[in-house]
PDB file of N, CA and C in Angstrom:
ATOM      1  N   MET A   1       0.782  -1.171  -0.052  1.00  0.00           N
ATOM      2  CA  MET A   1       0.229  -0.085   0.158  1.00  0.00           C
ATOM      3  C   MET A   1       0.771   1.168  -0.079  1.00  0.00           C
ATOM      4  N   GLU A   2       0.378   2.247  -0.972  1.00  0.00           N
ATOM      5  CA  GLU A   2       1.379   3.230  -1.028  1.00  0.00           C
ATOM      6  C   GLU A   2       1.241   4.136   0.501  1.00  0.00           C
ATOM      7  N   PRO A   3       2.319   5.115   0.610  1.00  0.00           N
ATOM      8  CA  PRO A   3       2.167   5.865   1.801  1.00  0.00           C
ATOM      9  C   PRO A   3       1.050   6.914   1.624  1.00  0.00           C
ATOM     10  N   GLY A   4       0.645   7.454   0.481  1.00  0.00           N
ATOM     11  CA  GLY A   4      -0.270   8.381   0.490  1.00  0.00           C
ATOM     12  C   GLY A   4      -1.668   7.515   0.807  1.00  0.00           C
ATOM     13  N   LYS A   5      -2.038   6.481   0.189  1.00  0.00           N
ATOM     14  CA  LYS A   5      -3.277   5.821   0.730  1.00  0.00           C
ATOM     15  C   LYS A   5      -3.275   5.568   2.264  1.00  0.00           C
ATOM     16  N   ARG A   6      -2.216   4.974   2.507  1.00  0.00           N
ATOM     17  CA  ARG A   6      -2.259   4.614   4.009  1.00  0.00           C
ATOM     18  C   ARG A   6      -2.550   6.184   5.159  1.00  0.00           C
ATOM     19  N   ALA A   7      -1.934   7.147   4.515  1.00  0.00           N
ATOM     20  CA  ALA A   7      -2.171   8.396   5.229  1.00  0.00           C
ATOM     21  C   ALA A   7      -3.686   8.687   5.158  1.00  0.00           C
ATOM     22  N   LEU A   8      -4.271   8.624   4.123  1.00  0.00           N
ATOM     23  CA  LEU A   8      -5.609   8.989   3.839  1.00  0.00           C
ATOM     24  C   LEU A   8      -6.630   7.939   4.387  1.00  0.00           C
ATOM     25  N   GLN A   9      -6.204   6.642   4.499  1.00  0.00           N
ATOM     26  CA  GLN A   9      -6.943   5.637   5.144  1.00  0.00           C
ATOM     27  C   GLN A   9      -6.874   6.173   6.799  1.00  0.00           C
ATOM     28  N   ALA A  10      -5.765   6.408   7.129  1.00  0.00           N
ATOM     29  CA  ALA A  10      -5.573   6.650   8.819  1.00  0.00           C
ATOM     30  C   ALA A  10      -6.539   7.896   8.953  1.00  0.00           C
ATOM     31  N   LEU A  11      -6.304   8.832   8.123  1.00  0.00           N
ATOM     32  CA  LEU A  11      -7.004  10.189   8.396  1.00  0.00           C
ATOM     33  C   LEU A  11      -8.437   9.792   8.396  1.00  0.00           C
ATOM     34  N   GLY A  12      -9.239   8.994   7.552  1.00  0.00           N
ATOM     35  CA  GLY A  12     -10.721   8.525   7.596  1.00  0.00           C
ATOM     36  C   GLY A  12     -10.985   8.066   8.588  1.00  0.00           C
ATOM     37  N   ILE A  13     -10.042   7.110   9.337  1.00  0.00           N
ATOM     38  CA  ILE A  13     -10.192   6.537  10.604  1.00  0.00           C
ATOM     39  C   ILE A  13     -10.339   7.565  11.770  1.00  0.00           C
ATOM     40  N   ILE A  14      -9.399   8.115  11.685  1.00  0.00           N
ATOM     41  CA  ILE A  14      -9.446   9.281  12.727  1.00  0.00           C
ATOM     42  C   ILE A  14     -10.815  10.186  12.809  1.00  0.00           C
ATOM     43  N   GLU A  15     -10.967  10.654  11.489  1.00  0.00           N
ATOM     44  CA  GLU A  15     -12.105  11.542  11.504  1.00  0.00           C
ATOM     45  C   GLU A  15     -13.608  10.691  11.882  1.00  0.00           C
ATOM     46  N   SER A  16     -13.736   9.546  11.560  1.00  0.00           N
ATOM     47  CA  SER A  16     -14.717   8.621  12.059  1.00  0.00           C
ATOM     48  C   SER A  16     -14.752   8.732  13.299  1.00  0.00           C
ATOM     49  N   GLU A  17     -13.547   8.263  13.972  1.00  0.00           N
ATOM     50  CA  GLU A  17     -13.642   7.832  15.596  1.00  0.00           C
ATOM     51  C   GLU A  17     -13.892   9.464  16.216  1.00  0.00           C
ATOM     52  N   THR A  18     -13.375  10.457  15.707  1.00  0.00           N
ATOM     53  CA  THR A  18     -13.596  11.817  16.370  1.00  0.00           C
ATOM     54  C   THR A  18     -15.083  12.203  16.164  1.00  0.00           C
ATOM     55  N   ARG A  19     -15.842  11.850  14.903  1.00  0.00           N
ATOM     56  CA  ARG A  19     -16.981  12.081  14.849  1.00  0.00           C
ATOM     57  C   ARG A  19     -17.966  11.206  15.957  1.00  0.00           C
ATOM     58  N   ASP A  20     -17.416   9.939  15.854  1.00  0.00           N
ATOM     59  CA  ASP A  20     -18.259   8.989  17.113  1.00  0.00           C
ATOM     60  C   ASP A  20     -18.215   9.787  18.533  1.00  0.00           C
ATOM     61  N   LEU A  21     -16.894  10.120  18.861  1.00  0.00           N
ATOM     62  CA  LEU A  21     -16.664  10.943  20.191  1.00  0.00           C
ATOM     63  C   LEU A  21     -17.648  11.956  20.288  1.00  0.00           C
ATOM     64  N   VAL A  22     -17.885  12.874  19.480  1.00  0.00           N
ATOM     65  CA  VAL A  22     -18.463  14.158  19.280  1.00  0.00           C
ATOM     66  C   VAL A  22     -19.890  13.790  19.384  1.00  0.00           C
ATOM     67  N   HIS A  23     -20.478  12.929  18.615  1.00  0.00           N
ATOM     68  CA  HIS A  23     -21.801  12.527  18.731  1.00  0.00           C
ATOM     69  C   HIS A  23     -22.271  11.634  19.917  1.00  0.00           C
ATOM     70  N   ALA A  24     -21.167  10.966  20.635  1.00  0.00           N
ATOM     71  CA  ALA A  24     -21.516  10.093  21.771  1.00  0.00           C
ATOM     72  C   ALA A  24     -22.427  10.841  22.787  1.00  0.00           C
ATOM     73  N   GLU A  25     -23.048  10.091  23.649  1.00  0.00           N
ATOM     74  CA  GLU A  25     -23.983  10.567  24.587  1.00  0.00           C
ATOM     75  C   GLU A  25     -22.998  10.780  25.983  1.00  0.00           C
ATOM     76  N   VAL A  26     -22.819  12.081  26.464  1.00  0.00           N
ATOM     77  CA  VAL A  26     -22.262  12.239  27.643  1.00  0.00           C
ATOM     78  C   VAL A  26     -23.157  11.795  28.561  1.00  0.00           C
ATOM     79  N   PRO A  27     -22.603  11.000  29.597  1.00  0.00           N
ATOM     80  CA  PRO A  27     -23.457  10.476  30.837  1.00  0.00           C
ATOM     81  C   PRO A  27     -23.739  11.674  31.764  1.00  0.00           C
ATOM     82  N   SER A  28     -25.095  11.757  32.185  1.00  0.00           N
ATOM     83  CA  SER A  28     -25.550  12.712  32.821  1.00  0.00           C
ATOM     84  C   SER A  28     -25.565  12.512  34.393  1.00  0.00           C
ATOM     85  N   THR A  29     -24.887  11.235  34.993  1.00  0.00           N
ATOM     86  CA  THR A  29     -24.830  11.070  36.334  1.00  0.00           C
ATOM     87  C   THR A  29     -23.850  12.013  36.811  1.00  0.00           C
ATOM     88  N   PRO A  30     -24.189  12.226  38.093  1.00  0.00           N
ATOM     89  CA  PRO A  30     -23.093  13.082  38.823  1.00  0.00           C
ATOM     90  C   PRO A  30     -21.872  12.316  39.091  1.00  0.00           C
ATOM     91  N   LYS A  31     -20.823  13.169  39.526  1.00  0.00           N
ATOM     92  CA  LYS A  31     -19.765  12.626  39.780  1.00  0.00           C
ATOM     93  C   LYS A  31     -19.820  11.317  41.174  1.00  0.00           C
ATOM     94  N   SER A  32     -18.627  10.651  41.176  1.00  0.00           N
ATOM     95  CA  SER A  32     -18.809   9.597  42.068  1.00  0.00           C
ATOM     96  C   SER A  32     -18.654  10.315  43.687  1.00  0.00           C
ATOM     97  N   GLU A  33     -18.995   9.664  44.544  1.00  0.00           N
ATOM     98  CA  GLU A  33     -19.169  10.191  45.866  1.00  0.00           C
ATOM     99  C   GLU A  33     -17.513  10.740  46.297  1.00  0.00           C
ATOM    100  N   THR A  34     -16.576   9.689  45.813  1.00  0.00           N
ATOM    101  CA  THR A  34     -15.264   9.983  46.267  1.00  0.00           C
ATOM    102  C   THR A  34     -14.605  11.269  45.674  1.00  0.00           C
ATOM    103  N   ASP A  35     -15.112  11.504  44.463  1.00  0.00           N
ATOM    104  CA  ASP A  35     -14.645  12.800  43.672  1.00  0.00           C
ATOM    105  C   ASP A  35     -15.082  14.028  44.876  1.00  0.00           C
ATOM    106  N   VAL A  36     -16.554  14.112  44.944  1.00  0.00           N
ATOM    107  CA  VAL A  36     -17.260  15.033  45.617  1.00  0.00           C
ATOM    108  C   VAL A  36     -16.497  15.174  47.045  1.00  0.00           C
ATOM    109  N   GLU A  37     -16.111  14.100  47.785  1.00  0.00           N
ATOM    110  CA  GLU A  37     -15.538  14.029  49.037  1.00  0.00           C
ATOM    111  C   GLU A  37     -14.103  14.703  49.038  1.00  0.00           C
ATOM    112  N   ILE A  38     -13.275  14.177  47.700  1.00  0.00           N
ATOM    113  CA  ILE A  38     -12.072  14.988  47.751  1.00  0.00           C
ATOM    114  C   ILE A  38     -12.373  16.416  47.426  1.00  0.00           C
ATOM    115  N   VAL A  39     -13.106  16.765  46.454  1.00  0.00           N
ATOM    116  CA  VAL A  39     -13.270  18.229  46.413  1.00  0.00           C
ATOM    117  C   VAL A  39     -13.622  18.944  47.702  1.00  0.00           C
ATOM    118  N   GLN A  40     -14.584  18.498  48.366  1.00  0.00           N
ATOM    119  CA  GLN A  40     -14.968  19.042  49.661  1.00  0.00           C
ATOM    120  C   GLN A  40     -13.851  19.122  50.543  1.00  0.00           C
ATOM    121  N   LYS A  41     -13.143  18.227  50.600  1.00  0.00           N
ATOM    122  CA  LYS A  41     -11.869  18.125  51.582  1.00  0.00           C
ATOM    123  C   LYS A  41     -10.703  19.469  51.107  1.00  0.00           C
ATOM    124  N   ILE A  42     -10.530  19.186  49.897  1.00  0.00           N
ATOM    125  CA  ILE A  42      -9.491  20.273  49.329  1.00  0.00           C
ATOM    126  C   ILE A  42     -10.078  21.862  49.459  1.00  0.00           C
ATOM    127  N   GLY A  43     -11.281  21.758  49.391  1.00  0.00           N
ATOM    128  CA  GLY A  43     -12.183  23.085  49.723  1.00  0.00           C
ATOM    129  C   GLY A  43     -12.071  23.488  51.088  1.00  0.00           C
ATOM    130  N   ALA A  44     -12.347  22.478  51.666  1.00  0.00           N
ATOM    131  CA  ALA A  44     -12.278  22.848  53.253  1.00  0.00           C
ATOM    132  C   ALA A  44     -11.028  23.211  53.843  1.00  0.00           C
ATOM    133  N   THR A  45      -9.940  22.539  53.265  1.00  0.00           N
ATOM    134  CA  THR A  45      -8.379  22.894  53.572  1.00  0.00           C
ATOM    135  C   THR A  45      -8.118  24.188  53.238  1.00  0.00           C
ATOM    136  N   SER A  46      -8.552  24.619  51.876  1.00  0.00           N
ATOM    137  CA  SER A  46      -8.268  25.927  51.129  1.00  0.00           C
ATOM    138  C   SER A  46      -9.073  26.969  52.018  1.00  0.00           C
ATOM    139  N   ILE A  47     -10.158  26.764  52.094  1.00  0.00           N
ATOM    140  CA  ILE A  47     -10.791  27.622  53.205  1.00  0.00           C
ATOM    141  C   ILE A  47     -10.242  28.150  54.484  1.00  0.00           C
ATOM    142  N   ALA A  48      -9.754  26.866  55.153  1.00  0.00           N
ATOM    143  CA  ALA A  48      -9.206  27.017  56.451  1.00  0.00           C
ATOM    144  C   ALA A  48      -7.731  27.838  56.160  1.00  0.00           C
ATOM    145  N   GLU A  49      -7.207  27.702  55.314  1.00  0.00           N
ATOM    146  CA  GLU A  49      -5.705  28.229  55.037  1.00  0.00           C
ATOM    147  C   GLU A  49      -6.180  29.698  54.825  1.00  0.00           C
ATOM    148  N   ILE A  50      -7.003  29.976  54.013  1.00  0.00           N
ATOM    149  CA  ILE A  50      -7.364  31.431  53.658  1.00  0.00           C
ATOM    150  C   ILE A  50      -7.798  32.338  54.935  1.00  0.00           C
ATOM    151  N   GLU A  51      -8.746  31.512  55.780  1.00  0.00           N
ATOM    152  CA  GLU A  51      -9.263  32.236  56.999  1.00  0.00           C
ATOM    153  C   GLU A  51      -8.079  32.450  57.883  1.00  0.00           C
ATOM    154  N   LYS A  52      -7.144  31.410  58.021  1.00  0.00           N
ATOM    155  CA  LYS A  52      -5.901  31.544  58.891  1.00  0.00           C
ATOM    156  C   LYS A  52      -5.096  32.774  58.369  1.00  0.00           C
ATOM    157  N   MET A  53      -4.896  32.803  56.910  1.00  0.00           N
ATOM    158  CA  MET A  53      -4.176  34.217  56.470  1.00  0.00           C
ATOM    159  C   MET A  53      -4.826  35.221  56.727  1.00  0.00           C
ATOM    160  N   ILE A  54      -6.056  35.575  56.704  1.00  0.00           N
ATOM    161  CA  ILE A  54      -6.748  36.711  56.779  1.00  0.00           C
ATOM    162  C   ILE A  54      -6.762  37.034  58.358  1.00  0.00           C
ATOM    163  N   GLY A  55      -6.712  36.033  59.305  1.00  0.00           N
ATOM    164  CA  GLY A  55      -6.395  36.520  60.719  1.00  0.00           C
ATOM    165  C   GLY A  55      -5.030  36.945  60.825  1.00  0.00           C
ATOM    166  N   GLU A  56      -4.185  36.446  60.378  1.00  0.00           N
ATOM    167  CA  GLU A  56      -2.674  36.688  60.489  1.00  0.00           C
ATOM    168  C   GLU A  56      -2.636  38.294  59.755  1.00  0.00           C
ATOM    169  N   LEU A  57      -3.200  38.534  58.652  1.00  0.00           N
ATOM    170  CA  LEU A  57      -3.230  39.691  57.993  1.00  0.00           C
ATOM    171  C   LEU A  57      -3.755  40.642  59.109  1.00  0.00           C
ATOM    172  N   GLN A  58      -4.985  40.415  59.509  1.00  0.00           N
ATOM    173  CA  GLN A  58      -5.536  41.049  60.588  1.00  0.00           C
ATOM    174  C   GLN A  58      -4.635  41.613  61.672  1.00  0.00           C
ATOM    175  N   GLU A  59      -3.919  40.645  62.314  1.00  0.00           N
ATOM    176  CA  GLU A  59      -2.857  41.059  63.458  1.00  0.00           C
ATOM    177  C   GLU A  59      -1.907  41.796  62.822  1.00  0.00           C
ATOM    178  N   ALA A  60      -1.552  41.747  61.753  1.00  0.00           N
ATOM    179  CA  ALA A  60      -0.325  42.598  61.383  1.00  0.00           C
ATOM    180  C   ALA A  60      -0.770  43.946  61.045  1.00  0.00           C
ATOM    181  N   LYS A  61      -1.854  44.174  60.588  1.00  0.00           N
ATOM    182  CA  LYS A  61      -2.707  45.307  60.442  1.00  0.00           C
ATOM    183  C   LYS A  61      -2.763  45.915  61.580  1.00  0.00           C
ATOM    184  N   ASP A  62      -3.405  45.280  62.644  1.00  0.00           N
ATOM    185  CA  ASP A  62      -3.376  45.910  64.030  1.00  0.00           C
ATOM    186  C   ASP A  62      -2.152  46.304  64.636  1.00  0.00           C
ATOM    187  N   PHE A  63      -1.218  45.636  64.455  1.00  0.00           N
ATOM    188  CA  PHE A  63       0.068  45.986  64.913  1.00  0.00           C
ATOM    189  C   PHE A  63       0.598  47.169  64.177  1.00  0.00           C
ATOM    190  N   LEU A  64       0.676  47.030  62.818  1.00  0.00           N
ATOM    191  CA  LEU A  64       1.158  48.325  62.186  1.00  0.00           C
ATOM    192  C   LEU A  64       0.465  49.306  62.434  1.00  0.00           C
ATOM    193  N   GLN A  65      -0.986  49.528  62.785  1.00  0.00           N
ATOM    194  CA  GLN A  65      -1.674  50.681  63.203  1.00  0.00           C
ATOM    195  C   GLN A  65      -1.061  51.159  64.311  1.00  0.00           C
ATOM    196  N   SER A  66      -0.786  50.252  65.546  1.00  0.00           N
ATOM    197  CA  SER A  66      -0.510  50.751  66.765  1.00  0.00           C
ATOM    198  C   SER A  66       0.984  51.292  66.747  1.00  0.00           C
ATOM    199  N   GLU A  67       1.534  50.548  65.830  1.00  0.00           N
ATOM    200  CA  GLU A  67       3.066  51.262  65.750  1.00  0.00           C
ATOM    201  C   GLU A  67       3.082  52.575  64.896  1.00  0.00           C
ATOM    202  N   GLY A  68       2.235  52.928  64.110  1.00  0.00           N
ATOM    203  CA  GLY A  68       2.078  54.004  63.228  1.00  0.00           C
ATOM    204  C   GLY A  68       1.540  55.135  64.492  1.00  0.00           C
ATOM    205  N   GLU A  69       0.465  54.742  65.409  1.00  0.00           N
ATOM    206  CA  GLU A  69       0.164  55.648  66.509  1.00  0.00           C
ATOM    207  C   GLU A  69       1.298  56.160  67.458  1.00  0.00           C
ATOM    208  N   ARG A  70       1.915  54.875  67.624  1.00  0.00           N
ATOM    209  CA  ARG A  70       3.203  55.066  68.631  1.00  0.00           C
ATOM    210  C   ARG A  70       4.259  56.086  68.162  1.00  0.00           C
ATOM    211  N   VAL A  71       4.722  55.850  66.460  1.00  0.00           N
ATOM    212  CA  VAL A  71       5.600  56.479  66.182  1.00  0.00           C
ATOM    213  C   VAL A  71       5.082  58.036  65.968  1.00  0.00           C
ATOM    214  N   GLN A  72       3.914  58.242  65.877  1.00  0.00           N
ATOM    215  CA  GLN A  72       3.276  59.465  65.768  1.00  0.00           C
ATOM    216  C   GLN A  72       3.307  60.310  67.068  1.00  0.00           C
ATOM    217  N   ARG A  73       2.919  59.514  68.035  1.00  0.00           N
ATOM    218  CA  ARG A  73       3.171  60.088  69.523  1.00  0.00           C
ATOM    219  C   ARG A  73       4.584  60.765  69.757  1.00  0.00           C
ATOM    220  N   GLU A  74       5.719  59.855  69.570  1.00  0.00           N
ATOM    221  CA  GLU A  74       6.885  60.121  69.710  1.00  0.00           C
ATOM    222  C   GLU A  74       7.417  61.034  68.808  1.00  0.00           C
ATOM    223  N   THR A  75       7.004  61.147  67.612  1.00  0.00           N
ATOM    224  CA  THR A  75       7.395  62.323  66.741  1.00  0.00           C
ATOM    225  C   THR A  75       6.781  64.034  67.316  1.00  0.00           C
ATOM    226  N   GLU A  76       5.464  63.753  67.681  1.00  0.00           N
ATOM    227  CA  GLU A  76       4.950  64.963  68.441  1.00  0.00           C
ATOM    228  C   GLU A  76       5.926  65.341  69.712  1.00  0.00           C
ATOM    229  N   HIS A  77       6.390  64.155  70.342  1.00  0.00           N
ATOM    230  CA  HIS A  77       6.971  64.551  71.557  1.00  0.00           C
ATOM    231  C   HIS A  77       8.344  65.092  71.340  1.00  0.00           C
ATOM    232  N   TYR A  78       9.170  64.458  70.184  1.00  0.00           N
ATOM    233  CA  TYR A  78      10.535  65.158  69.845  1.00  0.00           C
ATOM    234  C   TYR A  78      10.335  66.334  69.091  1.00  0.00           C
ATOM    235  N   THR A  79       9.214  66.640  68.509  1.00  0.00           N
ATOM    236  CA  THR A  79       8.807  67.908  67.902  1.00  0.00           C
ATOM    237  C   THR A  79       8.628  68.875  69.042  1.00  0.00           C
ATOM    238  N   ASN A  80       7.957  68.613  70.292  1.00  0.00           N
ATOM    239  CA  ASN A  80       7.643  69.786  71.390  1.00  0.00           C
ATOM    240  C   ASN A  80       9.178  69.904  72.069  1.00  0.00           C
ATOM    241  N   LEU A  81       9.998  68.715  72.166  1.00  0.00           N
ATOM    242  CA  LEU A  81      11.139  68.964  72.554  1.00  0.00           C
ATOM    243  C   LEU A  81      12.379  69.814  71.660  1.00  0.00           C
ATOM    244  N   THR A  82      12.154  69.480  70.545  1.00  0.00           N
ATOM    245  CA  THR A  82      12.951  70.543  69.676  1.00  0.00           C
ATOM    246  C   THR A  82      12.625  71.944  69.839  1.00  0.00           C
ATOM    247  N   GLN A  83      11.156  72.326  69.898  1.00  0.00           N
ATOM    248  CA  GLN A  83      10.544  73.556  69.933  1.00  0.00           C
ATOM    249  C   GLN A  83      11.281  74.247  71.395  1.00  0.00           C
ATOM    250  N   MET A  84      11.044  73.406  72.333  1.00  0.00           N
ATOM    251  CA  MET A  84      11.486  74.154  73.729  1.00  0.00           C
ATOM    252  C   MET A  84      12.982  74.143  73.665  1.00  0.00           C
ATOM    253  N   ALA A  85      13.756  73.375  73.093  1.00  0.00           N
ATOM    254  CA  ALA A  85      15.295  73.582  72.983  1.00  0.00           C
ATOM    255  C   ALA A  85      15.406  74.893  72.121  1.00  0.00           C
ATOM    256  N   SER A  86      14.850  74.947  71.083  1.00  0.00           N
ATOM    257  CA  SER A  86      15.017  76.429  70.296  1.00  0.00           C
ATOM    258  C   SER A  86      14.749  77.553  70.972  1.00  0.00           C
ATOM    259  N   ALA A  87      13.474  77.384  71.714  1.00  0.00           N
ATOM    260  CA  ALA A  87      13.168  78.471  72.558  1.00  0.00           C
ATOM    261  C   ALA A  87      14.061  78.896  73.784  1.00  0.00           C
ATOM    262  N   SER A  88      14.765  77.939  74.212  1.00  0.00           N
ATOM    263  CA  SER A  88      15.739  78.131  75.545  1.00  0.00           C
ATOM    264  C   SER A  88      17.073  78.701  74.630  1.00  0.00           C
ATOM    265  N   VAL A  89      17.298  78.194  73.507  1.00  0.00           N
ATOM    266  CA  VAL A  89      18.593  78.867  73.079  1.00  0.00           C
ATOM    267  C   VAL A  89      18.426  80.309  72.574  1.00  0.00           C
ATOM    268  N   LYS A  90      17.012  80.545  72.098  1.00  0.00           N
ATOM    269  CA  LYS A  90      16.911  81.868  71.711  1.00  0.00           C
ATOM    270  C   LYS A  90      16.800  82.685  73.184  1.00  0.00           C
ATOM    271  N   ILE A  91      16.399  82.434  74.280  1.00  0.00           N
ATOM    272  CA  ILE A  91      16.406  83.038  75.612  1.00  0.00           C
ATOM    273  C   ILE A  91      17.703  83.138  75.664  1.00  0.00           C
ATOM    274  N   ILE A  92      18.660  82.293  75.842  1.00  0.00           N
ATOM    275  CA  ILE A  92      20.011  82.574  76.275  1.00  0.00           C
ATOM    276  C   ILE A  92      20.855  83.429  75.278  1.00  0.00           C
ATOM    277  N   SER A  93      20.536  83.214  74.064  1.00  0.00           N
ATOM    278  CA  SER A  93      21.242  84.267  73.001  1.00  0.00           C
ATOM    279  C   SER A  93      20.760  85.562  73.363  1.00  0.00           C
ATOM    280  N   ASP A  94      19.561  85.857  73.671  1.00  0.00           N
ATOM    281  CA  ASP A  94      19.014  87.197  73.790  1.00  0.00           C
ATOM    282  C   ASP A  94      19.597  87.626  75.167  1.00  0.00           C
ATOM    283  N   THR A  95      19.655  86.985  75.986  1.00  0.00           N
ATOM    284  CA  THR A  95      20.502  87.309  77.265  1.00  0.00           C
ATOM    285  C   THR A  95      21.842  87.558  76.969  1.00  0.00           C
ATOM    286  N   VAL A  96      22.678  86.806  76.398  1.00  0.00           N
ATOM    287  CA  VAL A  96      23.935  87.207  76.334  1.00  0.00           C
ATOM    288  C   VAL A  96      24.045  88.300  75.348  1.00  0.00           C
ATOM    289  N   ALA A  97      23.232  88.650  74.415  1.00  0.00           N
ATOM    290  CA  ALA A  97      23.237  90.082  73.639  1.00  0.00           C
ATOM    291  C   ALA A  97      23.078  91.193  74.545  1.00  0.00           C
ATOM    292  N   GLY A  98      22.207  90.904  75.223  1.00  0.00           N
ATOM    293  CA  GLY A  98      21.930  91.989  76.222  1.00  0.00           C
ATOM    294  C   GLY A  98      22.919  92.407  77.241  1.00  0.00           C
ATOM    295  N   TRP A  99      23.811  91.476  77.583  1.00  0.00           N
ATOM    296  CA  TRP A  99      25.016  91.632  78.422  1.00  0.00           C
ATOM    297  C   TRP A  99      26.026  92.442  77.723  1.00  0.00           C
ATOM    298  N   ARG A 100      26.225  91.875  76.316  1.00  0.00           N
ATOM    299  CA  ARG A 100      27.135  92.453  75.634  1.00  0.00           C
ATOM    300  C   ARG A 100      26.626  94.073  75.339  1.00  0.00           C
ATOM    301  N   GLU A 101      25.458  94.282  74.943  1.00  0.00           N
ATOM    302  CA  GLU A 101      25.111  95.849  74.851  1.00  0.00           C
ATOM    303  C   GLU A 101      25.232  96.665  75.916  1.00  0.00           C
ATOM    304  N   ALA A 102      25.093  95.848  77.172  1.00  0.00           N
ATOM    305  CA  ALA A 102      25.468  96.539  78.675  1.00  0.00           C
ATOM    306  C   ALA A 102      26.903  96.897  78.899  1.00  0.00           C
ATOM    307  N   GLY A 103      27.802  96.303  78.150  1.00  0.00           N
ATOM    308  CA  GLY A 103      29.211  96.386  78.320  1.00  0.00           C
ATOM    309  C   GLY A 103      29.623  95.276  79.502  1.00  0.00           C
ATOM    310  N   HIS A 104      28.922  94.122  79.673  1.00  0.00           N
ATOM    311  CA  HIS A 104      29.617  93.317  80.643  1.00  0.00           C
ATOM    312  C   HIS A 104      30.447  92.314  79.664  1.00  0.00           C
ATOM    313  N   PRO A 105      31.683  91.891  80.314  1.00  0.00           N
ATOM    314  CA  PRO A 105      32.462  90.739  79.583  1.00  0.00           C
ATOM    315  C   PRO A 105      31.771  89.703  79.708  1.00  0.00           C
ATOM    316  N   LEU A 106      32.246  88.766  78.764  1.00  0.00           N
ATOM    317  CA  LEU A 106      31.807  87.370  78.844  1.00  0.00           C
ATOM    318  C   LEU A 106      32.756  86.642  79.852  1.00  0.00           C
ATOM    319  N   PRO A 107      32.266  85.834  80.485  1.00  0.00           N
ATOM    320  CA  PRO A 107      33.178  85.117  81.639  1.00  0.00           C
ATOM    321  C   PRO A 107      34.294  84.632  81.592  1.00  0.00           C
ATOM    322  N   ASN A 108      34.584  84.071  80.080  1.00  0.00           N
ATOM    323  CA  ASN A 108      35.696  83.414  79.466  1.00  0.00           C
ATOM    324  C   ASN A 108      36.587  84.483  79.536  1.00  0.00           C
ATOM    325  N   GLN A 109      36.201  85.667  78.879  1.00  0.00           N
ATOM    326  CA  GLN A 109      37.051  86.745  78.484  1.00  0.00           C
ATOM    327  C   GLN A 109      37.778  87.383  79.790  1.00  0.00           C
ATOM    328  N   SER A 110      37.061  87.468  80.737  1.00  0.00           N
ATOM    329  CA  SER A 110      37.572  88.211  82.186  1.00  0.00           C
ATOM    330  C   SER A 110      38.604  87.437  82.746  1.00  0.00           C
ATOM    331  N   SER A 111      38.366  85.870  82.586  1.00  0.00           N
ATOM    332  CA  SER A 111      39.347  84.973  83.288  1.00  0.00           C
ATOM    333  C   SER A 111      40.569  84.758  82.570  1.00  0.00           C
ATOM    334  N   ALA A 112      40.484  85.072  81.301  1.00  0.00           N
ATOM    335  CA  ALA A 112      41.498  84.647  80.333  1.00  0.00           C
ATOM    336  C   ALA A 112      42.469  85.840  80.028  1.00  0.00           C
ATOM    337  N   ARG A 113      43.143  86.314  81.012  1.00  0.00           N
ATOM    338  CA  ARG A 113      43.874  87.755  80.725  1.00  0.00           C
ATOM    339  C   ARG A 113      45.479  87.121  80.191  1.00  0.00           C
ATOM    340  N   PRO A 114      45.912  88.048  79.380  1.00  0.00           N
ATOM    341  CA  PRO A 114      47.294  87.760  78.903  1.00  0.00           C
ATOM    342  C   PRO A 114      48.247  87.986  79.879  1.00  0.00           C
ATOM    343  N   ASP A 115      49.410  87.461  79.807  1.00  0.00           N
ATOM    344  CA  ASP A 115      50.605  87.680  81.115  1.00  0.00           C
ATOM    345  C   ASP A 115      51.285  88.485  80.424  1.00  0.00           C
TER     346      ASP A 115
END
């Protein structure tokens, strides 16, 4: 038999079997109990894992919120300290400037006399 004829014959067989498969009646019976049970177990495991992850994410969210609030409080505290330190430096600077205008020598200048 020639290769061309064999190929055509094989193609005819494949087409015939394909038609038979397409037209075959699909059974309308539900899946077996074991398949259903497997799917339920897999689904339950997946749902449990998702719920666990949701719980962990909620804990992380709560922690991050509390840390954000703590950082905010500390930032406000350090801002207040910085403002108080700046005000203190201004008071000291103004006082020293007033002494100079009044002609008072600075303490380190009066004690450091040349010999």
